[in-house]
């Protein structure tokens, strides 16, 4: 009996150690998750601010120069992209969708600006996609 009691104590100690290890890992995971959520929220706020103050006004200015252009409504609380559509016209016999979207870059320290243009029907070769990366915050 004494041998099984010692075994039972060892098993309980091992189970206790495993539970403590699991709890410690969970605390680390929770901490990392909170940090990631904070970074994501900071990025989303910065991206929407950049879109509202820089990108969207420029897309609107572009659309003012074309009678067939329409800028899709921009929701400053949710969107991380702006879209301008050009309808088919006698002068421009194609439809065009031009989109600028912002995505988080490396560890949320950069913003990746991705532009996409789709022309239908395809009447010529053109660069459909482009991407640039910029620091999310001004660094001096």
Protein backbone atom coordinates (compact mmCIF):
# COMPACT_ATOMS: atom_id res chain seq x y z
CA UNK A 1 0.00 0.00 0.00
CA UNK A 2 2.81 2.37 0.86
CA UNK A 3 4.14 2.09 -2.69
CA UNK A 4 0.82 3.03 -4.24
CA UNK A 5 0.41 5.98 -1.86
CA UNK A 6 3.79 7.34 -2.93
CA UNK A 7 2.79 6.83 -6.57
CA UNK A 8 -0.51 8.62 -5.95
CA UNK A 9 1.33 11.60 -4.41
CA UNK A 10 3.75 11.73 -7.35
CA UNK A 11 0.86 11.59 -9.83
CA UNK A 12 -0.96 14.39 -8.01
CA UNK A 13 2.21 16.51 -7.92
CA UNK A 14 2.76 15.95 -11.64
CA UNK A 15 -0.85 16.85 -12.41
CA UNK A 16 -0.50 19.99 -10.29
CA UNK A 17 2.71 20.97 -12.14
CA UNK A 18 1.04 20.42 -15.49
CA UNK A 19 -1.94 22.56 -14.47
CA UNK A 20 0.39 25.35 -13.30
CA UNK A 21 2.28 25.16 -16.59
CA UNK A 22 -0.94 25.31 -18.56
CA UNK A 23 -2.13 28.27 -16.49
CA UNK A 24 1.15 30.11 -17.06
CA UNK A 25 0.96 29.48 -20.81
CA UNK A 26 -2.64 30.71 -20.83
CA UNK A 27 -1.62 33.92 -19.04
CA UNK A 28 1.10 34.45 -21.67
CA UNK A 29 -1.35 33.78 -24.50
CA UNK A 30 -3.90 36.16 -22.98
CA UNK A 31 -1.26 38.87 -22.60
CA UNK A 32 -0.09 38.44 -26.21
CA UNK A 33 -3.67 38.44 -27.46
CA UNK A 34 -4.40 41.70 -25.66
CA UNK A 35 -1.27 43.24 -27.19
CA UNK A 36 -2.31 42.09 -30.67
CA UNK A 37 -5.84 43.41 -30.22
CA UNK A 38 -4.44 46.74 -29.07
CA UNK A 39 -2.14 46.90 -32.10
CA UNK A 40 -5.02 45.99 -34.41
CA UNK A 41 -7.25 48.69 -32.95
CA UNK A 42 -4.47 51.27 -33.18
CA UNK A 43 -3.88 50.31 -36.81
CA UNK A 44 -7.59 50.44 -37.67
CA UNK A 45 -7.95 53.90 -36.13
CA UNK A 46 -4.85 55.19 -37.92
CA UNK A 47 -5.89 53.61 -41.23
CA UNK A 48 -9.35 55.15 -41.10
CA UNK A 49 -7.86 58.53 -40.18
CA UNK A 50 -5.41 58.32 -43.12
CA UNK A 51 -8.17 57.30 -45.50
CA UNK A 52 -10.52 60.05 -44.31
CA UNK A 53 -7.95 62.84 -44.33
CA UNK A 54 -5.61 61.87 -47.19
CA UNK A 55 -6.93 59.18 -49.55
CA UNK A 56 -10.67 59.88 -49.74
CA UNK A 57 -10.31 63.61 -50.50
CA UNK A 58 -7.90 62.78 -53.31
CA UNK A 59 -10.22 60.12 -54.74
CA UNK A 60 -13.03 62.70 -54.66
CA UNK A 61 -10.81 65.24 -56.45
CA UNK A 62 -10.01 62.65 -59.12
CA UNK A 63 -13.71 61.95 -59.65
CA UNK A 64 -14.51 65.67 -60.12
CA UNK A 65 -12.53 65.63 -63.37
CA UNK A 66 -14.64 62.90 -64.99
CA UNK A 67 -18.39 63.04 -65.65
CA UNK A 68 -18.61 59.26 -65.54
CA UNK A 69 -16.90 58.86 -62.12
CA UNK A 70 -18.61 57.81 -58.92
CA UNK A 71 -16.95 57.56 -55.53
CA UNK A 72 -18.52 54.88 -53.37
CA UNK A 73 -19.59 56.04 -49.91
CA UNK A 74 -16.86 55.84 -47.32
CA UNK A 75 -17.68 54.77 -43.77
CA UNK A 76 -15.06 56.36 -41.50
CA UNK A 77 -15.97 53.97 -38.68
CA UNK A 78 -15.52 50.72 -40.61
CA UNK A 79 -13.86 51.00 -44.01
CA UNK A 80 -10.17 50.58 -44.72
CA UNK A 81 -10.55 51.18 -48.47
CA UNK A 82 -11.82 53.78 -50.95
CA UNK A 83 -13.31 52.99 -54.34
CA UNK A 84 -13.89 55.12 -57.42
CA UNK A 85 -15.82 53.68 -60.34
CA UNK A 86 -15.86 55.00 -63.87
CA UNK A 87 -18.78 53.98 -66.05
CA UNK A 88 -18.68 53.29 -69.78
CA UNK A 89 -18.96 56.43 -71.91
CA UNK A 90 -18.45 57.45 -75.54
CA UNK A 91 -15.10 59.02 -74.64
CA UNK A 92 -14.02 56.10 -72.41
CA UNK A 93 -15.49 52.82 -73.78
CA UNK A 94 -14.75 50.72 -70.70
CA UNK A 95 -15.70 50.47 -67.07
CA UNK A 96 -12.99 51.04 -64.49
CA UNK A 97 -12.85 50.31 -60.78
CA UNK A 98 -10.02 51.93 -58.86
CA UNK A 99 -9.51 50.89 -55.24
CA UNK A 100 -7.05 51.96 -52.57
CA UNK A 101 -6.92 49.81 -49.45
CA UNK A 102 -4.79 49.95 -46.32
CA UNK A 103 -3.47 46.84 -44.60
CA UNK A 104 -1.24 46.38 -41.56
CA UNK A 105 2.42 45.89 -42.33
CA UNK A 106 5.18 44.33 -40.26
CA UNK A 107 4.03 43.96 -36.67
CA UNK A 108 1.52 46.78 -37.25
CA UNK A 109 4.39 49.30 -37.42
CA UNK A 110 3.83 50.01 -41.13
CA UNK A 111 0.79 50.56 -43.26
CA UNK A 112 0.74 48.77 -46.61
CA UNK A 113 -1.11 50.80 -49.24
CA UNK A 114 -2.49 48.58 -51.98
CA UNK A 115 -4.03 50.00 -55.15
CA UNK A 116 -5.99 47.96 -57.64
CA UNK A 117 -7.39 48.97 -61.00
CA UNK A 118 -9.70 46.86 -63.09
CA UNK A 119 -10.58 47.87 -66.64
CA UNK A 120 -13.27 45.96 -68.54
CA UNK A 121 -13.07 45.14 -71.32
CA UNK A 122 -9.31 45.01 -71.28
CA UNK A 123 -8.28 47.31 -74.10
CA UNK A 124 -4.58 47.58 -73.29
CA UNK A 125 -1.91 46.26 -70.99
CA UNK A 126 -1.73 48.05 -67.66
CA UNK A 127 -0.43 47.52 -64.16
CA UNK A 128 -3.38 46.16 -62.20
CA UNK A 129 -1.89 46.20 -58.70
CA UNK A 130 0.65 48.23 -56.81
CA UNK A 131 1.72 48.23 -53.20
CA UNK A 132 3.80 50.57 -51.06
CA UNK A 133 4.68 50.44 -47.39
CA UNK A 134 4.90 53.48 -45.10
CA UNK A 135 5.61 53.90 -41.40
CA UNK A 136 2.36 54.05 -39.48
CA UNK A 137 3.60 56.91 -37.34
CA UNK A 138 5.90 59.77 -38.25
CA UNK A 139 9.45 59.04 -37.17
CA UNK A 140 11.95 61.85 -36.89
